[in-house]
Amino acid sequence: MTTSRGKTTSRAQAQAQAPAPATPGASPRLSDAALLLLGQAAAREDRLLLPPPPALRARGSALQKVLQALLKAEFVVEVPVATEAQSWRSGDDGQSIGLVIAAEGFRAIGLPVPAPAAPAAAPAIGQGAPPAAEVAGRTTKQAVLIALLSDEAGASVQALAETLSWQNHTVRAALTGLRQKGHVLARTKDADGTTVYRITGQAGAEIAGATGATATTGA
Protein backbone atom coordinates (compact mmCIF):
# COMPACT_ATOMS: atom_id res chain seq x y z
CA MET A 1 0.00 0.00 0.00
CA THR A 2 2.80 2.40 0.93
CA THR A 3 4.69 1.51 -2.24
CA SER A 4 1.63 2.27 -4.36
CA ARG A 5 1.20 5.70 -2.76
CA GLY A 6 4.92 6.39 -3.26
CA LYS A 7 4.70 5.59 -6.95
CA THR A 8 1.64 7.80 -7.29
CA THR A 9 3.46 10.68 -5.60
CA SER A 10 6.50 10.25 -7.87
CA ARG A 11 4.32 10.35 -10.96
CA ALA A 12 2.56 13.48 -9.70
CA GLN A 13 5.87 15.23 -9.08
CA ALA A 14 7.14 14.33 -12.56
CA GLN A 15 3.96 15.69 -14.13
CA ALA A 16 4.31 18.95 -12.18
CA GLN A 17 7.82 19.49 -13.55
CA ALA A 18 7.03 18.79 -17.18
CA PRO A 19 4.86 20.75 -19.61
CA ALA A 20 1.46 19.12 -19.92
CA PRO A 21 0.61 17.53 -23.29
CA ALA A 22 -0.77 20.12 -25.67
CA THR A 23 -4.13 19.76 -27.35
CA PRO A 24 -4.50 20.88 -30.95
CA GLY A 25 -5.06 24.65 -31.14
CA ALA A 26 -4.39 25.19 -27.41
CA SER A 27 -1.35 26.51 -25.58
CA PRO A 28 0.36 23.86 -23.42
CA ARG A 29 0.27 24.35 -19.65
CA LEU A 30 3.72 25.04 -18.26
CA SER A 31 5.11 24.56 -14.77
CA ASP A 32 6.22 27.69 -12.92
CA ALA A 33 9.86 26.72 -13.49
CA ALA A 34 9.38 26.16 -17.22
CA LEU A 35 7.52 29.46 -17.56
CA LEU A 36 10.28 31.40 -15.80
CA LEU A 37 13.00 29.78 -17.92
CA LEU A 38 11.21 30.41 -21.20
CA GLY A 39 10.26 33.95 -20.19
CA GLN A 40 13.84 34.80 -19.30
CA ALA A 41 15.16 33.28 -22.52
CA ALA A 42 12.65 35.24 -24.64
CA ALA A 43 13.78 38.47 -22.98
CA ARG A 44 17.50 37.85 -23.42
CA GLU A 45 19.53 38.83 -26.45
CA ASP A 46 21.21 35.41 -26.65
CA ARG A 47 17.91 33.50 -26.10
CA LEU A 48 19.68 31.11 -23.66
CA LEU A 49 17.83 29.47 -20.77
CA LEU A 50 20.93 29.32 -18.58
CA PRO A 51 22.11 30.60 -16.24
CA PRO A 52 18.67 30.40 -14.59
CA PRO A 53 17.00 33.45 -13.02
CA PRO A 54 17.59 33.79 -9.25
CA ALA A 55 13.82 33.52 -8.65
CA LEU A 56 13.85 29.94 -9.99
CA ARG A 57 13.70 27.48 -7.11
CA ALA A 58 14.49 24.39 -9.15
CA ARG A 59 18.18 23.54 -8.97
CA GLY A 60 20.38 20.50 -9.61
CA SER A 61 18.48 17.40 -10.72
CA ALA A 62 15.13 19.21 -10.49
CA LEU A 63 16.35 21.85 -12.95
CA GLN A 64 17.72 19.15 -15.25
CA LYS A 65 14.30 17.46 -15.36
CA VAL A 66 12.61 20.72 -16.34
CA LEU A 67 15.18 21.34 -19.09
CA GLN A 68 14.84 17.78 -20.37
CA ALA A 69 11.06 18.16 -20.51
CA LEU A 70 11.34 21.42 -22.44
CA LEU A 71 13.79 19.85 -24.90
CA LYS A 72 11.55 16.81 -25.38
CA ALA A 73 8.58 19.10 -26.02
CA GLU A 74 10.71 20.96 -28.63
CA PHE A 75 10.27 24.27 -26.80
CA VAL A 76 14.07 24.64 -26.79
CA VAL A 77 16.97 23.51 -28.97
CA GLU A 78 20.61 22.79 -28.18
CA VAL A 79 23.41 25.12 -29.27
CA PRO A 80 27.17 25.32 -28.51
CA VAL A 81 27.93 27.81 -25.71
CA ALA A 82 31.09 29.47 -24.44
CA THR A 83 30.77 29.21 -20.66
CA GLU A 84 29.92 26.57 -18.08
CA ALA A 85 27.20 28.80 -16.59
CA GLN A 86 25.37 28.72 -19.95
CA SER A 87 25.80 24.95 -20.34
CA TRP A 88 23.39 22.22 -19.39
CA ARG A 89 25.57 19.33 -20.59
CA SER A 90 28.85 18.53 -22.36
CA GLY A 91 29.08 16.93 -25.78
CA ASP A 92 31.19 13.89 -26.65
CA ASP A 93 34.00 16.21 -27.72
CA GLY A 94 33.85 18.19 -24.48
CA GLN A 95 32.00 21.11 -26.08
CA SER A 96 29.67 22.91 -23.68
CA ILE A 97 26.08 22.74 -24.89
CA GLY A 98 23.33 25.11 -23.86
CA LEU A 99 19.66 25.57 -24.67
CA VAL A 100 17.92 28.40 -26.54
CA ILE A 101 14.21 29.02 -26.75
CA ALA A 102 12.76 27.72 -30.02
CA ALA A 103 9.77 28.85 -32.06
CA GLU A 104 7.44 26.50 -30.15
CA GLY A 105 8.77 27.93 -26.89
CA PHE A 106 7.68 31.43 -27.90
CA ARG A 107 4.27 30.13 -28.86
CA ALA A 108 3.98 28.21 -25.56
CA ILE A 109 4.24 31.45 -23.55
CA GLY A 110 1.93 33.37 -25.85
CA LEU A 111 4.53 35.31 -27.84
CA PRO A 112 4.84 35.59 -31.63
CA VAL A 113 7.97 34.04 -33.08
CA PRO A 114 10.45 36.87 -33.78
CA ALA A 115 11.85 37.30 -37.26
CA PRO A 116 15.37 35.99 -37.93
CA ALA A 117 18.20 38.43 -37.31
CA ALA A 118 21.57 38.74 -39.01
CA PRO A 119 23.98 37.31 -38.17
CA ALA A 120 22.00 34.23 -37.16
CA ALA A 121 22.58 32.39 -33.90
CA ALA A 122 24.79 29.31 -33.79
CA PRO A 123 23.32 26.18 -35.45
CA ALA A 124 21.24 23.98 -33.18
CA ILE A 125 22.93 20.73 -32.21
CA GLY A 126 21.85 17.96 -34.56
CA GLN A 127 19.23 20.15 -36.27
CA GLY A 128 21.14 22.51 -38.55
CA ALA A 129 20.99 26.29 -38.68
CA PRO A 130 17.29 27.11 -39.31
CA PRO A 131 15.84 26.27 -35.84
CA ALA A 132 18.44 28.38 -34.02
CA ALA A 133 18.22 31.19 -36.56
CA GLU A 134 14.47 31.29 -36.11
CA VAL A 135 14.84 32.41 -32.49
CA ALA A 136 17.51 35.05 -33.10
CA GLY A 137 15.12 38.00 -33.52
CA ARG A 138 14.26 40.51 -30.82
CA THR A 139 11.18 40.36 -28.59
CA THR A 140 10.34 43.32 -26.37
CA LYS A 141 10.33 42.90 -22.62
CA GLN A 142 6.80 44.30 -22.62
CA ALA A 143 5.66 41.26 -24.58
CA VAL A 144 7.44 38.89 -22.20
CA LEU A 145 5.87 40.71 -19.23
CA ILE A 146 2.38 40.20 -20.68
CA ALA A 147 3.09 36.54 -21.42
CA LEU A 148 4.28 35.88 -17.85
CA LEU A 149 1.30 37.67 -16.34
CA SER A 150 -1.09 35.79 -18.63
CA ASP A 151 -0.10 32.46 -17.11
CA GLU A 152 -2.70 30.99 -14.77
CA ALA A 153 -0.24 30.99 -11.84
CA GLY A 154 0.61 34.68 -12.28
CA ALA A 155 3.97 36.15 -11.25
CA SER A 156 5.39 38.14 -8.34
CA VAL A 157 7.12 41.51 -8.67
CA GLN A 158 10.42 39.94 -7.64
CA ALA A 159 10.14 37.11 -10.18
CA LEU A 160 9.30 39.56 -12.95
CA ALA A 161 12.16 41.86 -11.97
CA GLU A 162 14.72 39.03 -11.99
CA THR A 163 13.44 37.49 -15.20
CA LEU A 164 13.36 40.79 -17.09
CA SER A 165 16.48 42.30 -15.45
CA TRP A 166 14.40 45.21 -14.15
CA GLN A 167 14.28 46.88 -10.78
CA ASN A 168 11.17 46.29 -8.64
CA HIS A 169 9.93 49.85 -9.12
CA THR A 170 10.23 49.42 -12.90
CA VAL A 171 8.01 46.33 -12.71
CA ARG A 172 5.42 48.18 -10.63
CA ALA A 173 5.44 51.06 -13.12
CA ALA A 174 4.95 48.56 -15.95
CA LEU A 175 2.01 46.98 -14.10
CA THR A 176 0.45 50.42 -13.74
CA GLY A 177 1.03 50.99 -17.45
CA LEU A 178 -0.78 47.76 -18.31
CA ARG A 179 -3.79 48.83 -16.24
CA GLN A 180 -3.83 52.17 -18.00
CA LYS A 181 -3.89 50.36 -21.35
CA GLY A 182 -6.99 48.42 -20.30
CA HIS A 183 -5.54 45.17 -18.94
CA VAL A 184 -7.35 43.80 -15.90
CA LEU A 185 -4.83 42.65 -13.27
CA ALA A 186 -5.79 40.38 -10.38
CA ARG A 187 -3.71 40.48 -7.19
CA THR A 188 -3.64 37.28 -5.14
CA LYS A 189 -1.36 35.23 -2.87
CA ASP A 190 0.43 32.04 -3.91
CA ALA A 191 0.93 28.96 -1.74
CA ASP A 192 3.87 30.62 0.02
CA GLY A 193 1.96 33.80 0.76
CA THR A 194 3.77 35.83 -1.90
CA THR A 195 1.73 38.45 -3.74
CA VAL A 196 1.34 37.55 -7.41
CA TYR A 197 -0.28 39.39 -10.29
CA ARG A 198 -2.19 37.88 -13.19
CA ILE A 199 -3.91 39.33 -16.24
CA THR A 200 -7.56 38.29 -16.10
CA GLY A 201 -8.81 40.47 -18.94
CA GLN A 202 -7.43 42.32 -21.95
CA ALA A 203 -9.59 45.25 -22.87
CA GLY A 204 -6.55 46.90 -24.43
CA ALA A 205 -3.61 45.57 -26.43
CA GLU A 206 -3.46 41.89 -27.26
CA ILE A 207 -0.37 39.79 -26.54
CA ALA A 208 0.37 39.41 -30.24
CA GLY A 209 0.52 43.17 -30.64
CA ALA A 210 2.63 43.81 -27.55
CA THR A 211 5.91 43.28 -29.40
CA GLY A 212 5.51 46.74 -30.85
CA ALA A 213 5.35 48.33 -27.37
CA THR A 214 8.32 49.70 -25.48
CA ALA A 215 9.22 49.33 -21.83
CA THR A 216 11.45 51.39 -19.59
CA THR A 217 14.37 49.28 -18.41
CA GLY A 218 15.70 49.85 -14.92
CA ALA A 219 19.40 50.40 -14.30
C-alpha atoms as a PDB file:
ATOM      1  CA  MET A   1       0.000   0.000   0.000  1.00  0.00           C
ATOM      2  CA  THR A   2       2.801   2.399   0.929  1.00  0.00           C
ATOM      3  CA  THR A   3       4.688   1.506  -2.244  1.00  0.00           C
ATOM      4  CA  SER A   4       1.627   2.274  -4.358  1.00  0.00           C
ATOM      5  CA  ARG A   5       1.200   5.701  -2.761  1.00  0.00           C
ATOM      6  CA  GLY A   6       4.919   6.386  -3.260  1.00  0.00           C
ATOM      7  CA  LYS A   7       4.702   5.587  -6.949  1.00  0.00           C
ATOM      8  CA  THR A   8       1.640   7.800  -7.292  1.00  0.00           C
ATOM      9  CA  THR A   9       3.462  10.684  -5.599  1.00  0.00           C
ATOM     10  CA  SER A  10       6.497  10.248  -7.870  1.00  0.00           C
ATOM     11  CA  ARG A  11       4.316  10.349 -10.963  1.00  0.00           C
ATOM     12  CA  ALA A  12       2.561  13.483  -9.704  1.00  0.00           C
ATOM     13  CA  GLN A  13       5.873  15.230  -9.082  1.00  0.00           C
ATOM     14  CA  ALA A  14       7.139  14.334 -12.560  1.00  0.00           C
ATOM     15  CA  GLN A  15       3.958  15.689 -14.131  1.00  0.00           C
ATOM     16  CA  ALA A  16       4.310  18.950 -12.185  1.00  0.00           C
ATOM     17  CA  GLN A  17       7.821  19.494 -13.546  1.00  0.00           C
ATOM     18  CA  ALA A  18       7.033  18.795 -17.181  1.00  0.00           C
ATOM     19  CA  PRO A  19       4.861  20.749 -19.608  1.00  0.00           C
ATOM     20  CA  ALA A  20       1.456  19.116 -19.922  1.00  0.00           C
ATOM     21  CA  PRO A  21       0.610  17.526 -23.292  1.00  0.00           C
ATOM     22  CA  ALA A  22      -0.769  20.124 -25.667  1.00  0.00           C
ATOM     23  CA  THR A  23      -4.131  19.762 -27.353  1.00  0.00           C
ATOM     24  CA  PRO A  24      -4.501  20.885 -30.952  1.00  0.00           C
ATOM     25  CA  GLY A  25      -5.055  24.647 -31.142  1.00  0.00           C
ATOM     26  CA  ALA A  26      -4.390  25.186 -27.409  1.00  0.00           C
ATOM     27  CA  SER A  27      -1.346  26.508 -25.580  1.00  0.00           C
ATOM     28  CA  PRO A  28       0.360  23.857 -23.418  1.00  0.00           C
ATOM     29  CA  ARG A  29       0.266  24.346 -19.655  1.00  0.00           C
ATOM     30  CA  LEU A  30       3.723  25.042 -18.258  1.00  0.00           C
ATOM     31  CA  SER A  31       5.108  24.556 -14.770  1.00  0.00           C
ATOM     32  CA  ASP A  32       6.225  27.692 -12.922  1.00  0.00           C
ATOM     33  CA  ALA A  33       9.865  26.715 -13.489  1.00  0.00           C
ATOM     34  CA  ALA A  34       9.375  26.156 -17.222  1.00  0.00           C
ATOM     35  CA  LEU A  35       7.520  29.464 -17.564  1.00  0.00           C
ATOM     36  CA  LEU A  36      10.283  31.402 -15.805  1.00  0.00           C
ATOM     37  CA  LEU A  37      13.004  29.780 -17.916  1.00  0.00           C
ATOM     38  CA  LEU A  38      11.210  30.413 -21.202  1.00  0.00           C
ATOM     39  CA  GLY A  39      10.257  33.948 -20.189  1.00  0.00           C
ATOM     40  CA  GLN A  40      13.839  34.800 -19.297  1.00  0.00           C
ATOM     41  CA  ALA A  41      15.156  33.278 -22.522  1.00  0.00           C
ATOM     42  CA  ALA A  42      12.647  35.236 -24.637  1.00  0.00           C
ATOM     43  CA  ALA A  43      13.782  38.474 -22.984  1.00  0.00           C
ATOM     44  CA  ARG A  44      17.496  37.848 -23.419  1.00  0.00           C
ATOM     45  CA  GLU A  45      19.534  38.827 -26.454  1.00  0.00           C
ATOM     46  CA  ASP A  46      21.213  35.407 -26.649  1.00  0.00           C
ATOM     47  CA  ARG A  47      17.911  33.501 -26.097  1.00  0.00           C
ATOM     48  CA  LEU A  48      19.682  31.115 -23.663  1.00  0.00           C
ATOM     49  CA  LEU A  49      17.830  29.471 -20.768  1.00  0.00           C
ATOM     50  CA  LEU A  50      20.929  29.320 -18.584  1.00  0.00           C
ATOM     51  CA  PRO A  51      22.113  30.604 -16.245  1.00  0.00           C
ATOM     52  CA  PRO A  52      18.668  30.400 -14.595  1.00  0.00           C
ATOM     53  CA  PRO A  53      17.000  33.452 -13.018  1.00  0.00           C
ATOM     54  CA  PRO A  54      17.588  33.790  -9.246  1.00  0.00           C
ATOM     55  CA  ALA A  55      13.825  33.516  -8.655  1.00  0.00           C
ATOM     56  CA  LEU A  56      13.853  29.944  -9.987  1.00  0.00           C
ATOM     57  CA  ARG A  57      13.695  27.478  -7.108  1.00  0.00           C
ATOM     58  CA  ALA A  58      14.491  24.393  -9.153  1.00  0.00           C
ATOM     59  CA  ARG A  59      18.184  23.540  -8.973  1.00  0.00           C
ATOM     60  CA  GLY A  60      20.376  20.500  -9.607  1.00  0.00           C
ATOM     61  CA  SER A  61      18.479  17.402 -10.718  1.00  0.00           C
ATOM     62  CA  ALA A  62      15.126  19.207 -10.490  1.00  0.00           C
ATOM     63  CA  LEU A  63      16.345  21.848 -12.947  1.00  0.00           C
ATOM     64  CA  GLN A  64      17.723  19.146 -15.255  1.00  0.00           C
ATOM     65  CA  LYS A  65      14.304  17.462 -15.361  1.00  0.00           C
ATOM     66  CA  VAL A  66      12.611  20.719 -16.336  1.00  0.00           C
ATOM     67  CA  LEU A  67      15.178  21.343 -19.088  1.00  0.00           C
ATOM     68  CA  GLN A  68      14.838  17.777 -20.372  1.00  0.00           C
ATOM     69  CA  ALA A  69      11.058  18.156 -20.510  1.00  0.00           C
ATOM     70  CA  LEU A  70      11.343  21.421 -22.444  1.00  0.00           C
ATOM     71  CA  LEU A  71      13.787  19.848 -24.898  1.00  0.00           C
ATOM     72  CA  LYS A  72      11.550  16.810 -25.376  1.00  0.00           C
ATOM     73  CA  ALA A  73       8.576  19.104 -26.024  1.00  0.00           C
ATOM     74  CA  GLU A  74      10.707  20.961 -28.633  1.00  0.00           C
ATOM     75  CA  PHE A  75      10.268  24.271 -26.802  1.00  0.00           C
ATOM     76  CA  VAL A  76      14.072  24.638 -26.788  1.00  0.00           C
ATOM     77  CA  VAL A  77      16.971  23.506 -28.966  1.00  0.00           C
ATOM     78  CA  GLU A  78      20.611  22.791 -28.176  1.00  0.00           C
ATOM     79  CA  VAL A  79      23.415  25.119 -29.266  1.00  0.00           C
ATOM     80  CA  PRO A  80      27.167  25.322 -28.511  1.00  0.00           C
ATOM     81  CA  VAL A  81      27.930  27.805 -25.712  1.00  0.00           C
ATOM     82  CA  ALA A  82      31.085  29.466 -24.436  1.00  0.00           C
ATOM     83  CA  THR A  83      30.773  29.207 -20.656  1.00  0.00           C
ATOM     84  CA  GLU A  84      29.922  26.574 -18.078  1.00  0.00           C
ATOM     85  CA  ALA A  85      27.204  28.796 -16.594  1.00  0.00           C
ATOM     86  CA  GLN A  86      25.373  28.716 -19.949  1.00  0.00           C
ATOM     87  CA  SER A  87      25.797  24.951 -20.341  1.00  0.00           C
ATOM     88  CA  TRP A  88      23.387  22.223 -19.386  1.00  0.00           C
ATOM     89  CA  ARG A  89      25.571  19.335 -20.589  1.00  0.00           C
ATOM     90  CA  SER A  90      28.846  18.525 -22.356  1.00  0.00           C
ATOM     91  CA  GLY A  91      29.076  16.935 -25.780  1.00  0.00           C
ATOM     92  CA  ASP A  92      31.190  13.894 -26.648  1.00  0.00           C
ATOM     93  CA  ASP A  93      34.002  16.214 -27.725  1.00  0.00           C
ATOM     94  CA  GLY A  94      33.854  18.191 -24.481  1.00  0.00           C
ATOM     95  CA  GLN A  95      31.999  21.105 -26.078  1.00  0.00           C
ATOM     96  CA  SER A  96      29.673  22.914 -23.675  1.00  0.00           C
ATOM     97  CA  ILE A  97      26.080  22.736 -24.894  1.00  0.00           C
ATOM     98  CA  GLY A  98      23.332  25.107 -23.864  1.00  0.00           C
ATOM     99  CA  LEU A  99      19.661  25.568 -24.672  1.00  0.00           C
ATOM    100  CA  VAL A 100      17.924  28.403 -26.537  1.00  0.00           C
ATOM    101  CA  ILE A 101      14.207  29.018 -26.750  1.00  0.00           C
ATOM    102  CA  ALA A 102      12.759  27.718 -30.021  1.00  0.00           C
ATOM    103  CA  ALA A 103       9.767  28.847 -32.056  1.00  0.00           C
ATOM    104  CA  GLU A 104       7.436  26.504 -30.151  1.00  0.00           C
ATOM    105  CA  GLY A 105       8.773  27.931 -26.890  1.00  0.00           C
ATOM    106  CA  PHE A 106       7.685  31.431 -27.899  1.00  0.00           C
ATOM    107  CA  ARG A 107       4.265  30.127 -28.856  1.00  0.00           C
ATOM    108  CA  ALA A 108       3.983  28.213 -25.565  1.00  0.00           C
ATOM    109  CA  ILE A 109       4.242  31.451 -23.546  1.00  0.00           C
ATOM    110  CA  GLY A 110       1.932  33.368 -25.851  1.00  0.00           C
ATOM    111  CA  LEU A 111       4.535  35.308 -27.844  1.00  0.00           C
ATOM    112  CA  PRO A 112       4.842  35.590 -31.631  1.00  0.00           C
ATOM    113  CA  VAL A 113       7.973  34.045 -33.081  1.00  0.00           C
ATOM    114  CA  PRO A 114      10.448  36.866 -33.782  1.00  0.00           C
ATOM    115  CA  ALA A 115      11.850  37.304 -37.263  1.00  0.00           C
ATOM    116  CA  PRO A 116      15.369  35.989 -37.928  1.00  0.00           C
ATOM    117  CA  ALA A 117      18.195  38.432 -37.314  1.00  0.00           C
ATOM    118  CA  ALA A 118      21.569  38.744 -39.012  1.00  0.00           C
ATOM    119  CA  PRO A 119      23.976  37.310 -38.165  1.00  0.00           C
ATOM    120  CA  ALA A 120      22.004  34.232 -37.162  1.00  0.00           C
ATOM    121  CA  ALA A 121      22.580  32.395 -33.905  1.00  0.00           C
ATOM    122  CA  ALA A 122      24.794  29.309 -33.795  1.00  0.00           C
ATOM    123  CA  PRO A 123      23.317  26.180 -35.452  1.00  0.00           C
ATOM    124  CA  ALA A 124      21.242  23.983 -33.181  1.00  0.00           C
ATOM    125  CA  ILE A 125      22.928  20.729 -32.210  1.00  0.00           C
ATOM    126  CA  GLY A 126      21.846  17.962 -34.561  1.00  0.00           C
ATOM    127  CA  GLN A 127      19.233  20.152 -36.269  1.00  0.00           C
ATOM    128  CA  GLY A 128      21.143  22.508 -38.554  1.00  0.00           C
ATOM    129  CA  ALA A 129      20.991  26.294 -38.681  1.00  0.00           C
ATOM    130  CA  PRO A 130      17.292  27.115 -39.312  1.00  0.00           C
ATOM    131  CA  PRO A 131      15.840  26.274 -35.836  1.00  0.00           C
ATOM    132  CA  ALA A 132      18.437  28.385 -34.017  1.00  0.00           C
ATOM    133  CA  ALA A 133      18.219  31.193 -36.560  1.00  0.00           C
ATOM    134  CA  GLU A 134      14.473  31.292 -36.113  1.00  0.00           C
ATOM    135  CA  VAL A 135      14.842  32.415 -32.485  1.00  0.00           C
ATOM    136  CA  ALA A 136      17.509  35.050 -33.101  1.00  0.00           C
ATOM    137  CA  GLY A 137      15.115  37.996 -33.521  1.00  0.00           C
ATOM    138  CA  ARG A 138      14.262  40.513 -30.819  1.00  0.00           C
ATOM    139  CA  THR A 139      11.183  40.363 -28.594  1.00  0.00           C
ATOM    140  CA  THR A 140      10.342  43.319 -26.371  1.00  0.00           C
ATOM    141  CA  LYS A 141      10.332  42.903 -22.619  1.00  0.00           C
ATOM    142  CA  GLN A 142       6.797  44.301 -22.619  1.00  0.00           C
ATOM    143  CA  ALA A 143       5.656  41.257 -24.584  1.00  0.00           C
ATOM    144  CA  VAL A 144       7.436  38.891 -22.198  1.00  0.00           C
ATOM    145  CA  LEU A 145       5.868  40.707 -19.230  1.00  0.00           C
ATOM    146  CA  ILE A 146       2.384  40.204 -20.675  1.00  0.00           C
ATOM    147  CA  ALA A 147       3.086  36.543 -21.422  1.00  0.00           C
ATOM    148  CA  LEU A 148       4.283  35.876 -17.853  1.00  0.00           C
ATOM    149  CA  LEU A 149       1.299  37.668 -16.340  1.00  0.00           C
ATOM    150  CA  SER A 150      -1.087  35.788 -18.627  1.00  0.00           C
ATOM    151  CA  ASP A 151      -0.099  32.458 -17.112  1.00  0.00           C
ATOM    152  CA  GLU A 152      -2.699  30.985 -14.772  1.00  0.00           C
ATOM    153  CA  ALA A 153      -0.236  30.993 -11.843  1.00  0.00           C
ATOM    154  CA  GLY A 154       0.615  34.677 -12.277  1.00  0.00           C
ATOM    155  CA  ALA A 155       3.973  36.154 -11.251  1.00  0.00           C
ATOM    156  CA  SER A 156       5.390  38.138  -8.339  1.00  0.00           C
ATOM    157  CA  VAL A 157       7.119  41.513  -8.666  1.00  0.00           C
ATOM    158  CA  GLN A 158      10.425  39.935  -7.638  1.00  0.00           C
ATOM    159  CA  ALA A 159      10.137  37.108 -10.177  1.00  0.00           C
ATOM    160  CA  LEU A 160       9.295  39.558 -12.945  1.00  0.00           C
ATOM    161  CA  ALA A 161      12.165  41.860 -11.972  1.00  0.00           C
ATOM    162  CA  GLU A 162      14.716  39.035 -11.986  1.00  0.00           C
ATOM    163  CA  THR A 163      13.439  37.487 -15.200  1.00  0.00           C
ATOM    164  CA  LEU A 164      13.357  40.791 -17.089  1.00  0.00           C
ATOM    165  CA  SER A 165      16.475  42.299 -15.451  1.00  0.00           C
ATOM    166  CA  TRP A 166      14.402  45.210 -14.153  1.00  0.00           C
ATOM    167  CA  GLN A 167      14.278  46.882 -10.777  1.00  0.00           C
ATOM    168  CA  ASN A 168      11.169  46.285  -8.641  1.00  0.00           C
ATOM    169  CA  HIS A 169       9.931  49.854  -9.122  1.00  0.00           C
ATOM    170  CA  THR A 170      10.226  49.420 -12.904  1.00  0.00           C
ATOM    171  CA  VAL A 171       8.008  46.332 -12.708  1.00  0.00           C
ATOM    172  CA  ARG A 172       5.418  48.185 -10.630  1.00  0.00           C
ATOM    173  CA  ALA A 173       5.441  51.056 -13.121  1.00  0.00           C
ATOM    174  CA  ALA A 174       4.954  48.555 -15.953  1.00  0.00           C
ATOM    175  CA  LEU A 175       2.008  46.981 -14.103  1.00  0.00           C
ATOM    176  CA  THR A 176       0.450  50.417 -13.737  1.00  0.00           C
ATOM    177  CA  GLY A 177       1.028  50.990 -17.454  1.00  0.00           C
ATOM    178  CA  LEU A 178      -0.784  47.756 -18.311  1.00  0.00           C
ATOM    179  CA  ARG A 179      -3.786  48.829 -16.238  1.00  0.00           C
ATOM    180  CA  GLN A 180      -3.829  52.170 -18.001  1.00  0.00           C
ATOM    181  CA  LYS A 181      -3.890  50.357 -21.350  1.00  0.00           C
ATOM    182  CA  GLY A 182      -6.985  48.425 -20.297  1.00  0.00           C
ATOM    183  CA  HIS A 183      -5.542  45.170 -18.941  1.00  0.00           C
ATOM    184  CA  VAL A 184      -7.352  43.801 -15.900  1.00  0.00           C
ATOM    185  CA  LEU A 185      -4.831  42.650 -13.266  1.00  0.00           C
ATOM    186  CA  ALA A 186      -5.793  40.382 -10.378  1.00  0.00           C
ATOM    187  CA  ARG A 187      -3.706  40.483  -7.188  1.00  0.00           C
ATOM    188  CA  THR A 188      -3.637  37.284  -5.135  1.00  0.00           C
ATOM    189  CA  LYS A 189      -1.359  35.228  -2.872  1.00  0.00           C
ATOM    190  CA  ASP A 190       0.428  32.036  -3.915  1.00  0.00           C
ATOM    191  CA  ALA A 191       0.926  28.958  -1.741  1.00  0.00           C
ATOM    192  CA  ASP A 192       3.875  30.620   0.021  1.00  0.00           C
ATOM    193  CA  GLY A 193       1.957  33.801   0.763  1.00  0.00           C
ATOM    194  CA  THR A 194       3.766  35.834  -1.897  1.00  0.00           C
ATOM    195  CA  THR A 195       1.725  38.447  -3.741  1.00  0.00           C
ATOM    196  CA  VAL A 196       1.338  37.546  -7.408  1.00  0.00           C
ATOM    197  CA  TYR A 197      -0.278  39.395 -10.291  1.00  0.00           C
ATOM    198  CA  ARG A 198      -2.190  37.884 -13.191  1.00  0.00           C
ATOM    199  CA  ILE A 199      -3.905  39.331 -16.241  1.00  0.00           C
ATOM    200  CA  THR A 200      -7.564  38.288 -16.100  1.00  0.00           C
ATOM    201  CA  GLY A 201      -8.809  40.466 -18.943  1.00  0.00           C
ATOM    202  CA  GLN A 202      -7.432  42.318 -21.947  1.00  0.00           C
ATOM    203  CA  ALA A 203      -9.588  45.247 -22.871  1.00  0.00           C
ATOM    204  CA  GLY A 204      -6.549  46.899 -24.428  1.00  0.00           C
ATOM    205  CA  ALA A 205      -3.606  45.568 -26.433  1.00  0.00           C
ATOM    206  CA  GLU A 206      -3.463  41.886 -27.257  1.00  0.00           C
ATOM    207  CA  ILE A 207      -0.369  39.790 -26.539  1.00  0.00           C
ATOM    208  CA  ALA A 208       0.368  39.406 -30.242  1.00  0.00           C
ATOM    209  CA  GLY A 209       0.524  43.172 -30.643  1.00  0.00           C
ATOM    210  CA  ALA A 210       2.629  43.806 -27.554  1.00  0.00           C
ATOM    211  CA  THR A 211       5.912  43.284 -29.399  1.00  0.00           C
ATOM    212  CA  GLY A 212       5.506  46.737 -30.848  1.00  0.00           C
ATOM    213  CA  ALA A 213       5.354  48.331 -27.368  1.00  0.00           C
ATOM    214  CA  THR A 214       8.323  49.698 -25.481  1.00  0.00           C
ATOM    215  CA  ALA A 215       9.223  49.326 -21.833  1.00  0.00           C
ATOM    216  CA  THR A 216      11.451  51.394 -19.588  1.00  0.00           C
ATOM    217  CA  THR A 217      14.369  49.278 -18.412  1.00  0.00           C
ATOM    218  CA  GLY A 218      15.701  49.845 -14.924  1.00  0.00           C
ATOM    219  CA  ALA A 219      19.397  50.401 -14.301  1.00  0.00           C
END
